[in-house]
Amino acid sequence: MAYSHTNSKGIKYYLHQTEVTLRGGKKQTIYFFAKVEKNAKGTPVDLPEGRIVSENPRNGFLTVSKKK
């Protein structure tokens, strides 16, 4: 079961991760939210330890960032 979060507008999003290759050849894991639990671009995951979800109050966009 993937981590889900409902934003202030009442829309439920699911957390996904995927691995991308940067220009220098280094691989990096990125996290993103999607409206559907099964997304072709990534795999559903739980919220990683040491990360928090924040919401842009203007548009309800969700992001994952490191705890400070």
N, C-alpha and C. Protein backbone atom coordinates (compact mmCIF):
# COMPACT_ATOMS: atom_id res chain seq x y z
N MET A 1 0.84 -1.18 0.00
CA MET A 1 0.00 0.00 0.00
C MET A 1 0.88 1.24 0.00
N ALA A 2 0.61 2.15 -0.88
CA ALA A 2 1.39 3.37 -1.03
C ALA A 2 0.93 4.43 -0.02
N TYR A 3 1.83 5.35 0.29
CA TYR A 3 1.49 6.48 1.15
C TYR A 3 0.51 7.37 0.39
N SER A 4 -0.57 7.77 1.05
CA SER A 4 -1.55 8.65 0.42
C SER A 4 -1.70 9.90 1.28
N HIS A 5 -1.99 11.00 0.61
CA HIS A 5 -2.16 12.29 1.29
C HIS A 5 -3.28 13.05 0.59
N THR A 6 -4.17 13.61 1.37
CA THR A 6 -5.25 14.42 0.82
C THR A 6 -4.89 15.88 1.02
N ASN A 7 -4.87 16.64 -0.07
CA ASN A 7 -4.48 18.05 0.04
C ASN A 7 -5.67 18.89 0.53
N SER A 8 -5.45 20.17 0.67
CA SER A 8 -6.46 21.07 1.22
C SER A 8 -7.69 21.20 0.31
N LYS A 9 -7.56 20.83 -0.95
CA LYS A 9 -8.69 20.90 -1.87
C LYS A 9 -9.52 19.62 -1.87
N GLY A 10 -9.08 18.63 -1.05
CA GLY A 10 -9.83 17.38 -0.93
C GLY A 10 -9.47 16.32 -1.96
N ILE A 11 -8.37 16.49 -2.67
CA ILE A 11 -7.96 15.53 -3.69
C ILE A 11 -6.91 14.60 -3.07
N LYS A 12 -7.10 13.29 -3.26
CA LYS A 12 -6.20 12.30 -2.68
C LYS A 12 -5.10 11.96 -3.69
N TYR A 13 -3.84 11.99 -3.21
CA TYR A 13 -2.69 11.68 -4.04
C TYR A 13 -1.90 10.54 -3.42
N TYR A 14 -1.20 9.77 -4.27
CA TYR A 14 -0.39 8.64 -3.84
C TYR A 14 1.07 8.91 -4.17
N LEU A 15 1.97 8.54 -3.25
CA LEU A 15 3.40 8.77 -3.43
C LEU A 15 4.02 7.67 -4.27
N HIS A 16 4.85 8.07 -5.25
CA HIS A 16 5.57 7.14 -6.11
C HIS A 16 7.04 7.51 -6.13
N GLN A 17 7.87 6.55 -6.54
CA GLN A 17 9.29 6.83 -6.73
C GLN A 17 9.74 6.26 -8.06
N THR A 18 10.77 6.87 -8.60
CA THR A 18 11.39 6.36 -9.81
C THR A 18 12.86 6.76 -9.78
N GLU A 19 13.67 6.03 -10.52
CA GLU A 19 15.09 6.33 -10.58
C GLU A 19 15.40 6.96 -11.94
N VAL A 20 16.05 8.10 -11.91
CA VAL A 20 16.41 8.81 -13.14
C VAL A 20 17.93 8.90 -13.24
N THR A 21 18.41 9.06 -14.46
CA THR A 21 19.84 9.23 -14.69
C THR A 21 20.09 10.70 -15.02
N LEU A 22 20.97 11.31 -14.24
CA LEU A 22 21.31 12.71 -14.46
C LEU A 22 22.30 12.84 -15.61
N ARG A 23 22.57 14.05 -16.05
CA ARG A 23 23.45 14.28 -17.20
C ARG A 23 24.83 13.68 -17.02
N GLY A 24 25.36 13.72 -15.82
CA GLY A 24 26.70 13.19 -15.56
C GLY A 24 26.73 11.68 -15.43
N GLY A 25 25.59 11.02 -15.56
CA GLY A 25 25.52 9.58 -15.47
C GLY A 25 25.15 9.07 -14.08
N LYS A 26 25.05 9.98 -13.11
CA LYS A 26 24.69 9.59 -11.75
C LYS A 26 23.20 9.26 -11.68
N LYS A 27 22.87 8.19 -10.95
CA LYS A 27 21.47 7.82 -10.78
C LYS A 27 20.94 8.44 -9.50
N GLN A 28 19.68 8.91 -9.56
CA GLN A 28 19.05 9.57 -8.41
C GLN A 28 17.60 9.13 -8.32
N THR A 29 17.14 8.90 -7.10
CA THR A 29 15.75 8.54 -6.85
C THR A 29 14.94 9.81 -6.64
N ILE A 30 13.83 9.91 -7.36
CA ILE A 30 12.94 11.05 -7.18
C ILE A 30 11.58 10.54 -6.70
N TYR A 31 10.89 11.38 -5.94
CA TYR A 31 9.57 11.07 -5.42
C TYR A 31 8.56 12.04 -6.02
N PHE A 32 7.37 11.52 -6.35
CA PHE A 32 6.33 12.38 -6.92
C PHE A 32 4.97 11.85 -6.51
N PHE A 33 3.96 12.69 -6.58
CA PHE A 33 2.60 12.32 -6.25
C PHE A 33 1.77 12.19 -7.52
N ALA A 34 0.88 11.20 -7.52
CA ALA A 34 -0.05 10.98 -8.64
C ALA A 34 -1.44 10.73 -8.08
N LYS A 35 -2.45 11.02 -8.87
CA LYS A 35 -3.83 10.84 -8.43
C LYS A 35 -4.25 9.37 -8.39
N VAL A 36 -3.55 8.52 -9.13
CA VAL A 36 -3.88 7.10 -9.17
C VAL A 36 -2.79 6.31 -8.44
N GLU A 37 -3.19 5.20 -7.81
CA GLU A 37 -2.22 4.41 -7.05
C GLU A 37 -1.27 3.65 -7.96
N LYS A 38 -1.75 3.16 -9.09
CA LYS A 38 -0.92 2.43 -10.05
C LYS A 38 -0.56 3.39 -11.18
N ASN A 39 0.71 3.79 -11.23
CA ASN A 39 1.17 4.75 -12.24
C ASN A 39 2.28 4.09 -13.04
N ALA A 40 2.25 4.23 -14.36
CA ALA A 40 3.25 3.61 -15.23
C ALA A 40 4.64 4.24 -15.09
N LYS A 41 4.71 5.47 -14.58
CA LYS A 41 5.99 6.17 -14.51
C LYS A 41 6.78 5.87 -13.24
N GLY A 42 6.17 5.23 -12.25
CA GLY A 42 6.87 4.96 -11.00
C GLY A 42 6.18 3.87 -10.21
N THR A 43 6.82 3.48 -9.10
CA THR A 43 6.25 2.46 -8.24
C THR A 43 5.73 3.10 -6.96
N PRO A 44 4.58 2.66 -6.47
CA PRO A 44 4.03 3.21 -5.23
C PRO A 44 4.93 2.84 -4.04
N VAL A 45 5.14 3.78 -3.12
CA VAL A 45 6.00 3.56 -1.96
C VAL A 45 5.40 4.24 -0.73
N ASP A 46 5.91 3.82 0.44
CA ASP A 46 5.58 4.50 1.68
C ASP A 46 6.47 5.72 1.81
N LEU A 47 6.11 6.64 2.68
CA LEU A 47 6.90 7.84 2.90
C LEU A 47 8.24 7.44 3.53
N PRO A 48 9.37 7.77 2.89
CA PRO A 48 10.67 7.39 3.43
C PRO A 48 10.94 8.07 4.78
N GLU A 49 11.74 7.40 5.60
CA GLU A 49 12.09 7.95 6.90
C GLU A 49 12.92 9.22 6.70
N GLY A 50 12.68 10.21 7.51
CA GLY A 50 13.42 11.47 7.41
C GLY A 50 12.87 12.42 6.36
N ARG A 51 11.70 12.14 5.81
CA ARG A 51 11.07 13.01 4.80
C ARG A 51 9.73 13.51 5.31
N ILE A 52 9.33 14.68 4.83
CA ILE A 52 8.03 15.25 5.17
C ILE A 52 7.32 15.68 3.90
N VAL A 53 6.00 15.76 3.98
CA VAL A 53 5.18 16.22 2.85
C VAL A 53 4.77 17.65 3.14
N SER A 54 4.98 18.52 2.17
CA SER A 54 4.54 19.90 2.30
C SER A 54 3.63 20.24 1.12
N GLU A 55 2.76 21.20 1.35
CA GLU A 55 1.78 21.59 0.33
C GLU A 55 1.92 23.06 0.00
N ASN A 56 1.89 23.37 -1.27
CA ASN A 56 1.88 24.75 -1.70
C ASN A 56 0.48 25.30 -1.43
N PRO A 57 0.35 26.30 -0.57
CA PRO A 57 -0.99 26.79 -0.22
C PRO A 57 -1.73 27.45 -1.38
N ARG A 58 -0.99 27.87 -2.38
CA ARG A 58 -1.61 28.56 -3.51
C ARG A 58 -2.34 27.61 -4.45
N ASN A 59 -1.71 26.45 -4.74
CA ASN A 59 -2.31 25.56 -5.73
C ASN A 59 -2.54 24.13 -5.23
N GLY A 60 -2.14 23.81 -3.99
CA GLY A 60 -2.35 22.48 -3.45
C GLY A 60 -1.35 21.44 -3.91
N PHE A 61 -0.27 21.86 -4.58
CA PHE A 61 0.74 20.94 -5.09
C PHE A 61 1.55 20.36 -3.93
N LEU A 62 1.70 19.03 -3.92
CA LEU A 62 2.40 18.35 -2.84
C LEU A 62 3.85 18.06 -3.22
N THR A 63 4.77 18.23 -2.27
CA THR A 63 6.17 17.91 -2.48
C THR A 63 6.70 17.14 -1.28
N VAL A 64 7.75 16.36 -1.53
CA VAL A 64 8.44 15.61 -0.47
C VAL A 64 9.81 16.24 -0.28
N SER A 65 10.15 16.55 0.98
CA SER A 65 11.46 17.14 1.26
C SER A 65 12.03 16.52 2.52
N LYS A 66 13.32 16.75 2.74
CA LYS A 66 13.99 16.23 3.91
C LYS A 66 13.58 17.03 5.14
N LYS A 67 13.52 16.34 6.30
CA LYS A 67 13.24 17.04 7.56
C LYS A 67 14.42 17.93 7.90
N LYS A 68 14.15 19.06 8.49
CA LYS A 68 15.22 19.99 8.87
C LYS A 68 15.60 19.79 10.29
